[in-house]
Amino acid sequence: MDGTIFYWLAWLAWIGTTFIMRKSHPERLKLSAVLLLLVILSDKAVSIYGTEITLSAIVIALTVMAVTFGTGFLQLLKITISAFVVMLGYVSFLLIELYDPVWVLFDRVWMLAGCGFYLSVLLEKGLKERLAIIFAGFLTGDFLYAFILGNYSFPYKVSSLAFLDVAALAAGMVVTWVGFSNIALAVGQQILHGKGDKGLHE
């Protein structure tokens, strides 16, 4: 059922930001509010020029702009280019799925999310930047795909629950990857620190 992955991950993330994250963390309330808005507005839609768009798309767009617009011109340009690459990958996958679905060998949600995750890790280093290009690239790609289908009078809902499943799963992959990377780095530093102390004592 569309939306299952999104709702599970969104609620888990909301519980984490609301009850587990330090209360002094500057991003805690913002993250909790964004996650709650995404869940509430995920099934609310408006029609603009014949295209149905869920209100979650507005939340995603505003959040991405808030995260990226204060980063400086060069960083913003880099994020924009990276998001464009993700958008091309997203739209290409959907068009291949539409015209030649035999190439979609596994669950499309996992394949699309995996592609977004791989591109984000390849193109950006920071967690915020990776999440930004995933959501920006996927959302603009969804708009472009809706535009392409609209030319053939095919209905398509932008930022639907199926879209949110893919975006949430890709974001979850990125967060998990960064978490394990930080743990591995901390363990490595502890090992090196222990060896250094042992060498000094010898």
N, C-alpha and C. Protein backbone atom coordinates (compact mmCIF):
# COMPACT_ATOMS: atom_id res chain seq x y z
N MET A 1 0.84 -1.19 0.00
CA MET A 1 0.00 0.00 0.00
C MET A 1 0.87 1.25 0.00
N ASP A 2 0.56 2.18 -0.93
CA ASP A 2 1.34 3.41 -1.01
C ASP A 2 1.27 4.20 0.29
N GLY A 3 2.40 4.70 0.73
CA GLY A 3 2.46 5.54 1.92
C GLY A 3 2.92 4.81 3.17
N THR A 4 2.94 3.48 3.13
CA THR A 4 3.31 2.71 4.32
C THR A 4 4.73 3.02 4.77
N ILE A 5 5.67 2.98 3.84
CA ILE A 5 7.08 3.25 4.18
C ILE A 5 7.24 4.68 4.67
N PHE A 6 6.59 5.60 3.98
CA PHE A 6 6.69 7.02 4.37
C PHE A 6 6.17 7.25 5.78
N TYR A 7 4.98 6.74 6.06
CA TYR A 7 4.39 6.97 7.39
C TYR A 7 5.23 6.35 8.50
N TRP A 8 5.71 5.14 8.29
CA TRP A 8 6.54 4.49 9.29
C TRP A 8 7.81 5.30 9.56
N LEU A 9 8.52 5.66 8.49
CA LEU A 9 9.78 6.38 8.67
C LEU A 9 9.56 7.79 9.20
N ALA A 10 8.50 8.44 8.74
CA ALA A 10 8.22 9.81 9.20
C ALA A 10 7.89 9.81 10.69
N TRP A 11 7.08 8.85 11.14
CA TRP A 11 6.73 8.80 12.56
C TRP A 11 7.94 8.43 13.41
N LEU A 12 8.76 7.50 12.93
CA LEU A 12 9.98 7.15 13.66
C LEU A 12 10.91 8.35 13.79
N ALA A 13 11.04 9.09 12.68
CA ALA A 13 11.90 10.28 12.70
C ALA A 13 11.32 11.35 13.63
N TRP A 14 9.98 11.50 13.61
CA TRP A 14 9.34 12.50 14.48
C TRP A 14 9.54 12.14 15.95
N ILE A 15 9.38 10.87 16.29
CA ILE A 15 9.62 10.43 17.67
C ILE A 15 11.07 10.71 18.07
N GLY A 16 11.99 10.45 17.13
CA GLY A 16 13.40 10.70 17.42
C GLY A 16 13.71 12.16 17.66
N THR A 17 13.17 13.04 16.80
CA THR A 17 13.45 14.47 16.95
C THR A 17 12.71 15.08 18.15
N THR A 18 11.54 14.54 18.47
CA THR A 18 10.73 15.12 19.55
C THR A 18 11.14 14.63 20.93
N PHE A 19 11.44 13.35 21.06
CA PHE A 19 11.66 12.77 22.38
C PHE A 19 13.10 12.32 22.65
N ILE A 20 13.88 12.09 21.59
CA ILE A 20 15.24 11.57 21.78
C ILE A 20 16.30 12.64 21.57
N MET A 21 16.13 13.47 20.55
CA MET A 21 17.10 14.52 20.27
C MET A 21 17.20 15.50 21.44
N ARG A 22 18.41 15.99 21.69
CA ARG A 22 18.62 16.94 22.79
C ARG A 22 17.69 18.15 22.65
N LYS A 23 17.10 18.56 23.77
CA LYS A 23 16.20 19.71 23.73
C LYS A 23 16.92 21.00 23.37
N SER A 24 18.22 21.04 23.59
CA SER A 24 19.00 22.23 23.27
C SER A 24 19.42 22.29 21.80
N HIS A 25 19.15 21.22 21.05
CA HIS A 25 19.56 21.17 19.64
C HIS A 25 18.79 22.23 18.86
N PRO A 26 19.48 23.10 18.10
CA PRO A 26 18.81 24.21 17.41
C PRO A 26 17.84 23.77 16.32
N GLU A 27 18.01 22.57 15.77
CA GLU A 27 17.15 22.11 14.68
C GLU A 27 15.99 21.23 15.14
N ARG A 28 15.91 20.97 16.44
CA ARG A 28 14.95 19.99 16.95
C ARG A 28 13.50 20.36 16.62
N LEU A 29 13.08 21.55 16.99
CA LEU A 29 11.70 21.95 16.78
C LEU A 29 11.37 22.08 15.30
N LYS A 30 12.33 22.57 14.51
CA LYS A 30 12.11 22.73 13.07
C LYS A 30 11.88 21.38 12.41
N LEU A 31 12.74 20.42 12.74
CA LEU A 31 12.60 19.08 12.16
C LEU A 31 11.28 18.43 12.55
N SER A 32 10.93 18.56 13.83
CA SER A 32 9.67 17.97 14.30
C SER A 32 8.48 18.59 13.59
N ALA A 33 8.50 19.91 13.40
CA ALA A 33 7.40 20.60 12.74
C ALA A 33 7.29 20.19 11.27
N VAL A 34 8.43 20.10 10.59
CA VAL A 34 8.42 19.71 9.17
C VAL A 34 7.89 18.29 9.01
N LEU A 35 8.35 17.38 9.84
CA LEU A 35 7.89 15.99 9.76
C LEU A 35 6.39 15.88 10.02
N LEU A 36 5.92 16.62 11.02
CA LEU A 36 4.49 16.58 11.34
C LEU A 36 3.65 17.16 10.20
N LEU A 37 4.12 18.25 9.61
CA LEU A 37 3.41 18.85 8.48
C LEU A 37 3.37 17.91 7.28
N LEU A 38 4.47 17.22 7.04
CA LEU A 38 4.51 16.27 5.92
C LEU A 38 3.47 15.17 6.10
N VAL A 39 3.38 14.66 7.32
CA VAL A 39 2.40 13.59 7.59
C VAL A 39 0.98 14.12 7.44
N ILE A 40 0.71 15.29 8.00
CA ILE A 40 -0.65 15.85 7.97
C ILE A 40 -1.09 16.19 6.55
N LEU A 41 -0.17 16.76 5.76
CA LEU A 41 -0.53 17.25 4.42
C LEU A 41 -0.27 16.24 3.31
N SER A 42 0.16 15.04 3.67
CA SER A 42 0.53 14.06 2.65
C SER A 42 -0.64 13.61 1.77
N ASP A 43 -1.87 13.71 2.29
CA ASP A 43 -3.03 13.28 1.50
C ASP A 43 -3.93 14.45 1.11
N LYS A 44 -3.45 15.69 1.34
CA LYS A 44 -4.22 16.87 0.96
C LYS A 44 -3.65 17.39 -0.37
N ALA A 45 -4.53 17.60 -1.35
CA ALA A 45 -4.05 17.98 -2.68
C ALA A 45 -4.86 19.15 -3.24
N VAL A 46 -4.22 19.89 -4.13
CA VAL A 46 -4.88 20.96 -4.88
C VAL A 46 -4.61 20.73 -6.36
N SER A 47 -5.47 21.29 -7.20
CA SER A 47 -5.30 21.16 -8.65
C SER A 47 -4.85 22.49 -9.22
N ILE A 48 -3.69 22.48 -9.89
CA ILE A 48 -3.14 23.69 -10.50
C ILE A 48 -2.93 23.43 -11.98
N TYR A 49 -3.67 24.16 -12.82
CA TYR A 49 -3.60 23.98 -14.27
C TYR A 49 -3.80 22.52 -14.67
N GLY A 50 -4.73 21.87 -13.99
CA GLY A 50 -5.06 20.50 -14.34
C GLY A 50 -4.16 19.44 -13.74
N THR A 51 -3.13 19.87 -13.01
CA THR A 51 -2.21 18.92 -12.37
C THR A 51 -2.49 18.87 -10.87
N GLU A 52 -2.71 17.68 -10.36
CA GLU A 52 -2.98 17.51 -8.93
C GLU A 52 -1.67 17.48 -8.16
N ILE A 53 -1.55 18.34 -7.16
CA ILE A 53 -0.31 18.45 -6.37
C ILE A 53 -0.66 18.37 -4.89
N THR A 54 -0.02 17.47 -4.17
CA THR A 54 -0.28 17.39 -2.74
C THR A 54 0.46 18.52 -2.02
N LEU A 55 -0.09 18.95 -0.90
CA LEU A 55 0.49 20.07 -0.16
C LEU A 55 1.84 19.71 0.46
N SER A 56 2.14 18.42 0.55
CA SER A 56 3.46 18.02 1.05
C SER A 56 4.57 18.53 0.14
N ALA A 57 4.26 18.73 -1.14
CA ALA A 57 5.26 19.25 -2.08
C ALA A 57 5.70 20.66 -1.68
N ILE A 58 4.75 21.46 -1.18
CA ILE A 58 5.08 22.82 -0.75
C ILE A 58 5.99 22.77 0.47
N VAL A 59 5.69 21.88 1.41
CA VAL A 59 6.52 21.73 2.61
C VAL A 59 7.94 21.33 2.23
N ILE A 60 8.06 20.37 1.31
CA ILE A 60 9.38 19.91 0.88
C ILE A 60 10.14 21.04 0.20
N ALA A 61 9.48 21.76 -0.70
CA ALA A 61 10.14 22.84 -1.43
C ALA A 61 10.62 23.94 -0.49
N LEU A 62 9.77 24.36 0.44
CA LEU A 62 10.14 25.42 1.38
C LEU A 62 11.28 24.97 2.30
N THR A 63 11.25 23.72 2.72
CA THR A 63 12.31 23.20 3.59
C THR A 63 13.64 23.16 2.87
N VAL A 64 13.64 22.69 1.63
CA VAL A 64 14.88 22.64 0.84
C VAL A 64 15.43 24.04 0.63
N MET A 65 14.56 25.00 0.34
CA MET A 65 15.02 26.38 0.15
C MET A 65 15.60 26.95 1.44
N ALA A 66 14.95 26.67 2.56
CA ALA A 66 15.44 27.16 3.85
C ALA A 66 16.81 26.59 4.19
N VAL A 67 17.03 25.33 3.82
CA VAL A 67 18.31 24.67 4.13
C VAL A 67 19.43 25.15 3.22
N THR A 68 19.11 25.40 1.95
CA THR A 68 20.16 25.66 0.97
C THR A 68 20.46 27.13 0.71
N PHE A 69 19.50 28.02 0.89
CA PHE A 69 19.70 29.39 0.47
C PHE A 69 20.68 30.18 1.34
N GLY A 70 21.02 29.66 2.51
CA GLY A 70 21.98 30.37 3.36
C GLY A 70 23.38 29.80 3.28
N THR A 71 23.65 28.98 2.26
CA THR A 71 24.93 28.27 2.20
C THR A 71 26.00 28.99 1.41
N GLY A 72 25.68 30.07 0.74
CA GLY A 72 26.65 30.75 -0.11
C GLY A 72 26.44 30.38 -1.57
N PHE A 73 26.88 31.28 -2.47
CA PHE A 73 26.57 31.11 -3.89
C PHE A 73 27.16 29.84 -4.48
N LEU A 74 28.45 29.60 -4.23
CA LEU A 74 29.11 28.44 -4.83
C LEU A 74 28.51 27.12 -4.34
N GLN A 75 28.25 27.06 -3.03
CA GLN A 75 27.64 25.84 -2.48
C GLN A 75 26.23 25.64 -3.01
N LEU A 76 25.49 26.76 -3.14
CA LEU A 76 24.13 26.68 -3.68
C LEU A 76 24.16 26.21 -5.13
N LEU A 77 25.13 26.70 -5.90
CA LEU A 77 25.28 26.28 -7.29
C LEU A 77 25.60 24.79 -7.37
N LYS A 78 26.48 24.33 -6.49
CA LYS A 78 26.85 22.91 -6.47
C LYS A 78 25.64 22.04 -6.12
N ILE A 79 24.87 22.47 -5.12
CA ILE A 79 23.68 21.72 -4.73
C ILE A 79 22.66 21.69 -5.86
N THR A 80 22.51 22.83 -6.56
CA THR A 80 21.57 22.91 -7.68
C THR A 80 21.95 21.95 -8.79
N ILE A 81 23.24 21.91 -9.12
CA ILE A 81 23.71 21.00 -10.17
C ILE A 81 23.51 19.54 -9.74
N SER A 82 23.83 19.25 -8.48
CA SER A 82 23.65 17.89 -7.96
C SER A 82 22.18 17.48 -7.98
N ALA A 83 21.30 18.40 -7.58
CA ALA A 83 19.87 18.12 -7.60
C ALA A 83 19.38 17.89 -9.03
N PHE A 84 19.96 18.62 -9.97
CA PHE A 84 19.59 18.45 -11.38
C PHE A 84 19.96 17.05 -11.87
N VAL A 85 21.12 16.57 -11.45
CA VAL A 85 21.55 15.21 -11.81
C VAL A 85 20.59 14.18 -11.22
N VAL A 86 20.22 14.37 -9.95
CA VAL A 86 19.26 13.46 -9.30
C VAL A 86 17.92 13.50 -10.02
N MET A 87 17.50 14.70 -10.42
CA MET A 87 16.24 14.85 -11.16
C MET A 87 16.26 14.06 -12.46
N LEU A 88 17.38 14.17 -13.20
CA LEU A 88 17.50 13.44 -14.46
C LEU A 88 17.43 11.93 -14.22
N GLY A 89 18.11 11.46 -13.17
CA GLY A 89 18.07 10.04 -12.85
C GLY A 89 16.67 9.59 -12.49
N TYR A 90 15.95 10.40 -11.71
CA TYR A 90 14.59 10.06 -11.28
C TYR A 90 13.65 9.98 -12.48
N VAL A 91 13.66 11.02 -13.32
CA VAL A 91 12.77 11.04 -14.48
C VAL A 91 13.11 9.93 -15.46
N SER A 92 14.40 9.69 -15.67
CA SER A 92 14.82 8.62 -16.58
C SER A 92 14.29 7.27 -16.12
N PHE A 93 14.38 7.02 -14.82
CA PHE A 93 13.87 5.76 -14.27
C PHE A 93 12.37 5.63 -14.52
N LEU A 94 11.62 6.70 -14.24
CA LEU A 94 10.17 6.65 -14.41
C LEU A 94 9.77 6.45 -15.87
N LEU A 95 10.51 7.09 -16.78
CA LEU A 95 10.20 6.93 -18.20
C LEU A 95 10.52 5.52 -18.69
N ILE A 96 11.64 4.98 -18.21
CA ILE A 96 11.99 3.59 -18.55
C ILE A 96 10.93 2.64 -18.00
N GLU A 97 10.49 2.92 -16.76
CA GLU A 97 9.45 2.09 -16.15
C GLU A 97 8.16 2.16 -16.95
N LEU A 98 7.87 3.33 -17.50
CA LEU A 98 6.63 3.53 -18.26
C LEU A 98 6.67 2.83 -19.62
N TYR A 99 7.79 3.00 -20.33
CA TYR A 99 7.87 2.50 -21.70
C TYR A 99 8.40 1.07 -21.80
N ASP A 100 9.21 0.65 -20.86
CA ASP A 100 9.79 -0.69 -20.91
C ASP A 100 9.94 -1.25 -19.50
N PRO A 101 8.82 -1.57 -18.86
CA PRO A 101 8.84 -1.97 -17.44
C PRO A 101 9.59 -3.27 -17.15
N VAL A 102 9.96 -4.01 -18.20
CA VAL A 102 10.67 -5.27 -17.98
C VAL A 102 12.02 -5.05 -17.32
N TRP A 103 12.56 -3.82 -17.47
CA TRP A 103 13.86 -3.51 -16.87
C TRP A 103 13.77 -3.29 -15.36
N VAL A 104 12.57 -3.08 -14.85
CA VAL A 104 12.40 -2.89 -13.41
C VAL A 104 12.34 -4.28 -12.78
N LEU A 105 13.50 -4.79 -12.39
CA LEU A 105 13.62 -6.17 -11.95
C LEU A 105 13.15 -6.39 -10.52
N PHE A 106 13.28 -5.35 -9.68
CA PHE A 106 12.95 -5.48 -8.27
C PHE A 106 11.87 -4.46 -7.91
N ASP A 107 11.55 -4.36 -6.65
CA ASP A 107 10.58 -3.38 -6.18
C ASP A 107 11.02 -1.98 -6.60
N ARG A 108 10.13 -1.28 -7.32
CA ARG A 108 10.48 0.04 -7.86
C ARG A 108 10.84 1.04 -6.76
N VAL A 109 10.19 0.94 -5.61
CA VAL A 109 10.47 1.87 -4.51
C VAL A 109 11.91 1.73 -4.06
N TRP A 110 12.35 0.49 -3.87
CA TRP A 110 13.73 0.26 -3.43
C TRP A 110 14.74 0.61 -4.51
N MET A 111 14.40 0.35 -5.77
CA MET A 111 15.32 0.69 -6.86
C MET A 111 15.47 2.20 -7.01
N LEU A 112 14.35 2.92 -6.99
CA LEU A 112 14.41 4.38 -7.10
C LEU A 112 15.12 5.00 -5.91
N ALA A 113 14.78 4.54 -4.71
CA ALA A 113 15.43 5.05 -3.50
C ALA A 113 16.92 4.75 -3.52
N GLY A 114 17.28 3.55 -3.97
CA GLY A 114 18.69 3.18 -4.05
C GLY A 114 19.45 4.06 -5.02
N CYS A 115 18.83 4.39 -6.15
CA CYS A 115 19.47 5.28 -7.13
C CYS A 115 19.69 6.67 -6.53
N GLY A 116 18.66 7.19 -5.85
CA GLY A 116 18.79 8.50 -5.22
C GLY A 116 19.85 8.51 -4.14
N PHE A 117 19.87 7.45 -3.34
CA PHE A 117 20.88 7.32 -2.28
C PHE A 117 22.29 7.30 -2.87
N TYR A 118 22.48 6.48 -3.91
CA TYR A 118 23.81 6.36 -4.52
C TYR A 118 24.28 7.69 -5.09
N LEU A 119 23.40 8.38 -5.80
CA LEU A 119 23.77 9.67 -6.39
C LEU A 119 24.08 10.71 -5.32
N SER A 120 23.31 10.71 -4.23
CA SER A 120 23.55 11.69 -3.17
C SER A 120 24.89 11.47 -2.49
N VAL A 121 25.25 10.21 -2.26
CA VAL A 121 26.54 9.89 -1.65
C VAL A 121 27.68 10.23 -2.60
N LEU A 122 27.44 10.02 -3.88
CA LEU A 122 28.45 10.29 -4.90
C LEU A 122 28.69 11.79 -5.09
N LEU A 123 27.61 12.58 -5.00
CA LEU A 123 27.69 14.00 -5.37
C LEU A 123 27.95 14.94 -4.19
N GLU A 124 27.52 14.59 -2.99
CA GLU A 124 27.65 15.48 -1.84
C GLU A 124 28.27 14.75 -0.66
N LYS A 125 28.80 15.54 0.29
CA LYS A 125 29.46 14.96 1.46
C LYS A 125 28.66 15.12 2.75
N GLY A 126 28.03 16.27 2.94
CA GLY A 126 27.31 16.52 4.19
C GLY A 126 25.92 15.91 4.20
N LEU A 127 25.41 15.63 5.39
CA LEU A 127 24.08 15.03 5.53
C LEU A 127 23.00 15.97 4.99
N LYS A 128 23.04 17.24 5.38
CA LYS A 128 22.03 18.19 4.93
C LYS A 128 22.02 18.32 3.41
N GLU A 129 23.22 18.40 2.84
CA GLU A 129 23.33 18.55 1.39
C GLU A 129 22.79 17.33 0.67
N ARG A 130 23.10 16.15 1.19
CA ARG A 130 22.60 14.92 0.56
C ARG A 130 21.08 14.83 0.61
N LEU A 131 20.52 15.16 1.76
CA LEU A 131 19.06 15.14 1.88
C LEU A 131 18.43 16.20 0.99
N ALA A 132 19.08 17.36 0.90
CA ALA A 132 18.54 18.45 0.08
C ALA A 132 18.47 18.06 -1.39
N ILE A 133 19.53 17.44 -1.92
CA ILE A 133 19.51 17.10 -3.34
C ILE A 133 18.57 15.93 -3.62
N ILE A 134 18.38 15.05 -2.65
CA ILE A 134 17.40 13.97 -2.84
C ILE A 134 15.99 14.54 -2.97
N PHE A 135 15.60 15.37 -2.00
CA PHE A 135 14.24 15.90 -2.02
C PHE A 135 14.03 16.89 -3.17
N ALA A 136 15.03 17.75 -3.42
CA ALA A 136 14.91 18.71 -4.52
C ALA A 136 14.89 18.00 -5.86
N GLY A 137 15.80 17.05 -6.04
CA GLY A 137 15.87 16.32 -7.30
C GLY A 137 14.63 15.47 -7.56
N PHE A 138 14.19 14.75 -6.54
CA PHE A 138 12.99 13.92 -6.69
C PHE A 138 11.75 14.78 -6.96
N LEU A 139 11.61 15.89 -6.22
CA LEU A 139 10.41 16.71 -6.37
C LEU A 139 10.35 17.37 -7.74
N THR A 140 11.46 17.98 -8.18
CA THR A 140 11.47 18.59 -9.51
C THR A 140 11.30 17.53 -10.59
N GLY A 141 11.86 16.35 -10.35
CA GLY A 141 11.67 15.25 -11.29
C GLY A 141 10.21 14.82 -11.37
N ASP A 142 9.52 14.84 -10.23
CA ASP A 142 8.11 14.48 -10.21
C ASP A 142 7.28 15.50 -10.98
N PHE A 143 7.62 16.78 -10.83
CA PHE A 143 6.93 17.82 -11.60
C PHE A 143 7.18 17.65 -13.09
N LEU A 144 8.43 17.37 -13.46
CA LEU A 144 8.77 17.18 -14.88
C LEU A 144 8.04 15.97 -15.45
N TYR A 145 7.98 14.90 -14.69
CA TYR A 145 7.28 13.69 -15.14
C TYR A 145 5.79 13.97 -15.32
N ALA A 146 5.21 14.72 -14.39
CA ALA A 146 3.79 15.10 -14.50
C ALA A 146 3.56 15.95 -15.75
N PHE A 147 4.51 16.83 -16.05
CA PHE A 147 4.41 17.68 -17.25
C PHE A 147 4.45 16.84 -18.52
N ILE A 148 5.37 15.86 -18.54
CA ILE A 148 5.49 14.98 -19.71
C ILE A 148 4.20 14.19 -19.92
N LEU A 149 3.68 13.62 -18.84
CA LEU A 149 2.44 12.84 -18.95
C LEU A 149 1.26 13.73 -19.30
N GLY A 150 1.28 14.97 -18.79
CA GLY A 150 0.20 15.90 -19.08
C GLY A 150 0.07 16.22 -20.56
N ASN A 151 1.19 16.20 -21.27
CA ASN A 151 1.16 16.44 -22.72
C ASN A 151 0.40 15.35 -23.46
N TYR A 152 0.28 14.18 -22.83
CA TYR A 152 -0.47 13.08 -23.43
C TYR A 152 -1.80 12.84 -22.71
N SER A 153 -2.18 13.83 -21.89
CA SER A 153 -3.46 13.79 -21.16
C SER A 153 -3.55 12.62 -20.18
N PHE A 154 -2.39 12.20 -19.65
CA PHE A 154 -2.39 11.17 -18.61
C PHE A 154 -2.39 11.85 -17.24
N PRO A 155 -3.32 11.50 -16.36
CA PRO A 155 -3.34 12.12 -15.02
C PRO A 155 -2.19 11.61 -14.16
N TYR A 156 -1.64 12.52 -13.36
CA TYR A 156 -0.55 12.13 -12.46
C TYR A 156 -0.53 13.09 -11.28
N LYS A 157 -0.47 12.54 -10.08
CA LYS A 157 -0.44 13.37 -8.87
C LYS A 157 1.01 13.59 -8.44
N VAL A 158 1.39 14.87 -8.32
CA VAL A 158 2.74 15.23 -7.90
C VAL A 158 2.87 15.08 -6.39
N SER A 159 3.98 14.50 -5.94
CA SER A 159 4.25 14.29 -4.52
C SER A 159 3.18 13.40 -3.87
N SER A 160 2.82 12.35 -4.58
CA SER A 160 1.84 11.40 -4.06
C SER A 160 2.46 10.56 -2.95
N LEU A 161 1.67 9.70 -2.36
CA LEU A 161 2.18 8.81 -1.32
C LEU A 161 3.24 7.86 -1.87
N ALA A 162 3.08 7.45 -3.13
CA ALA A 162 4.10 6.60 -3.76
C ALA A 162 5.43 7.34 -3.87
N PHE A 163 5.36 8.62 -4.23
CA PHE A 163 6.56 9.46 -4.29
C PHE A 163 7.18 9.61 -2.90
N LEU A 164 6.36 9.86 -1.91
CA LEU A 164 6.86 10.05 -0.55
C LEU A 164 7.51 8.79 -0.01
N ASP A 165 7.01 7.63 -0.41
CA ASP A 165 7.65 6.36 -0.03
C ASP A 165 9.09 6.33 -0.52
N VAL A 166 9.28 6.67 -1.79
CA VAL A 166 10.62 6.65 -2.40
C VAL A 166 11.53 7.67 -1.73
N ALA A 167 11.04 8.91 -1.57
CA ALA A 167 11.85 9.97 -0.98
C ALA A 167 12.22 9.65 0.47
N ALA A 168 11.25 9.15 1.23
CA ALA A 168 11.51 8.82 2.64
C ALA A 168 12.51 7.68 2.76
N LEU A 169 12.38 6.67 1.91
CA LEU A 169 13.30 5.54 1.96
C LEU A 169 14.72 5.96 1.58
N ALA A 170 14.84 6.79 0.55
CA ALA A 170 16.16 7.29 0.15
C ALA A 170 16.78 8.12 1.27
N ALA A 171 15.97 8.98 1.90
CA ALA A 171 16.46 9.78 3.03
C ALA A 171 16.87 8.89 4.19
N GLY A 172 16.08 7.86 4.46
CA GLY A 172 16.43 6.91 5.52
C GLY A 172 17.73 6.20 5.25
N MET A 173 17.97 5.84 3.99
CA MET A 173 19.24 5.21 3.62
C MET A 173 20.41 6.14 3.88
N VAL A 174 20.24 7.42 3.52
CA VAL A 174 21.32 8.40 3.72
C VAL A 174 21.61 8.58 5.19
N VAL A 175 20.57 8.75 6.00
CA VAL A 175 20.76 8.94 7.44
C VAL A 175 21.44 7.72 8.06
N THR A 176 21.00 6.52 7.66
CA THR A 176 21.62 5.29 8.17
C THR A 176 23.08 5.20 7.76
N TRP A 177 23.38 5.52 6.51
CA TRP A 177 24.75 5.49 6.00
C TRP A 177 25.65 6.45 6.79
N VAL A 178 25.17 7.68 6.98
CA VAL A 178 25.95 8.67 7.72
C VAL A 178 26.13 8.23 9.16
N GLY A 179 25.09 7.66 9.76
CA GLY A 179 25.19 7.18 11.13
C GLY A 179 26.24 6.09 11.29
N PHE A 180 26.22 5.10 10.40
CA PHE A 180 27.22 4.03 10.46
C PHE A 180 28.62 4.55 10.16
N SER A 181 28.72 5.52 9.24
CA SER A 181 30.02 6.11 8.92
C SER A 181 30.60 6.82 10.13
N ASN A 182 29.75 7.56 10.85
CA ASN A 182 30.22 8.26 12.04
C ASN A 182 30.64 7.29 13.14
N ILE A 183 29.88 6.19 13.28
CA ILE A 183 30.23 5.17 14.28
C ILE A 183 31.57 4.53 13.93
N ALA A 184 31.74 4.17 12.64
CA ALA A 184 32.99 3.56 12.20
C ALA A 184 34.16 4.50 12.40
N LEU A 185 33.95 5.80 12.12
CA LEU A 185 35.00 6.79 12.31
C LEU A 185 35.38 6.92 13.78
N ALA A 186 34.36 6.95 14.65
CA ALA A 186 34.62 7.07 16.09
C ALA A 186 35.37 5.86 16.62
N VAL A 187 34.96 4.67 16.17
CA VAL A 187 35.65 3.44 16.60
C VAL A 187 37.09 3.43 16.11
N GLY A 188 37.29 3.85 14.86
CA GLY A 188 38.64 3.91 14.32
C GLY A 188 39.53 4.87 15.09
N GLN A 189 38.97 6.02 15.45
CA GLN A 189 39.74 6.99 16.23
C GLN A 189 40.08 6.45 17.61
N GLN A 190 39.15 5.73 18.22
CA GLN A 190 39.40 5.14 19.53
C GLN A 190 40.52 4.10 19.45
N ILE A 191 40.50 3.30 18.38
CA ILE A 191 41.54 2.28 18.20
C ILE A 191 42.90 2.94 18.01
N LEU A 192 42.94 3.97 17.16
CA LEU A 192 44.21 4.67 16.93
C LEU A 192 44.69 5.37 18.19
N HIS A 193 43.75 5.94 18.94
CA HIS A 193 44.10 6.62 20.19
C HIS A 193 44.66 5.62 21.20
N GLY A 194 44.02 4.42 21.24
CA GLY A 194 44.50 3.38 22.15
C GLY A 194 45.88 2.90 21.78
N LYS A 195 46.15 2.74 20.49
CA LYS A 195 47.47 2.33 20.04
C LYS A 195 48.52 3.39 20.34
N GLY A 196 48.09 4.67 20.20
CA GLY A 196 49.02 5.75 20.50
C GLY A 196 49.40 5.79 21.97
N ASP A 197 48.41 5.59 22.83
CA ASP A 197 48.68 5.57 24.27
C ASP A 197 49.58 4.39 24.64
N LYS A 198 49.34 3.25 24.00
CA LYS A 198 50.14 2.06 24.27
C LYS A 198 51.59 2.28 23.84
N GLY A 199 51.77 2.95 22.68
CA GLY A 199 53.12 3.23 22.20
C GLY A 199 53.87 4.17 23.13
N LEU A 200 53.15 5.15 23.68
CA LEU A 200 53.79 6.10 24.59
C LEU A 200 54.24 5.40 25.87
N HIS A 201 53.41 4.49 26.37
CA HIS A 201 53.76 3.78 27.61
C HIS A 201 54.95 2.85 27.39
N GLU A 202 55.05 2.31 26.18
CA GLU A 202 56.18 1.41 25.91
C GLU A 202 57.48 2.21 25.80
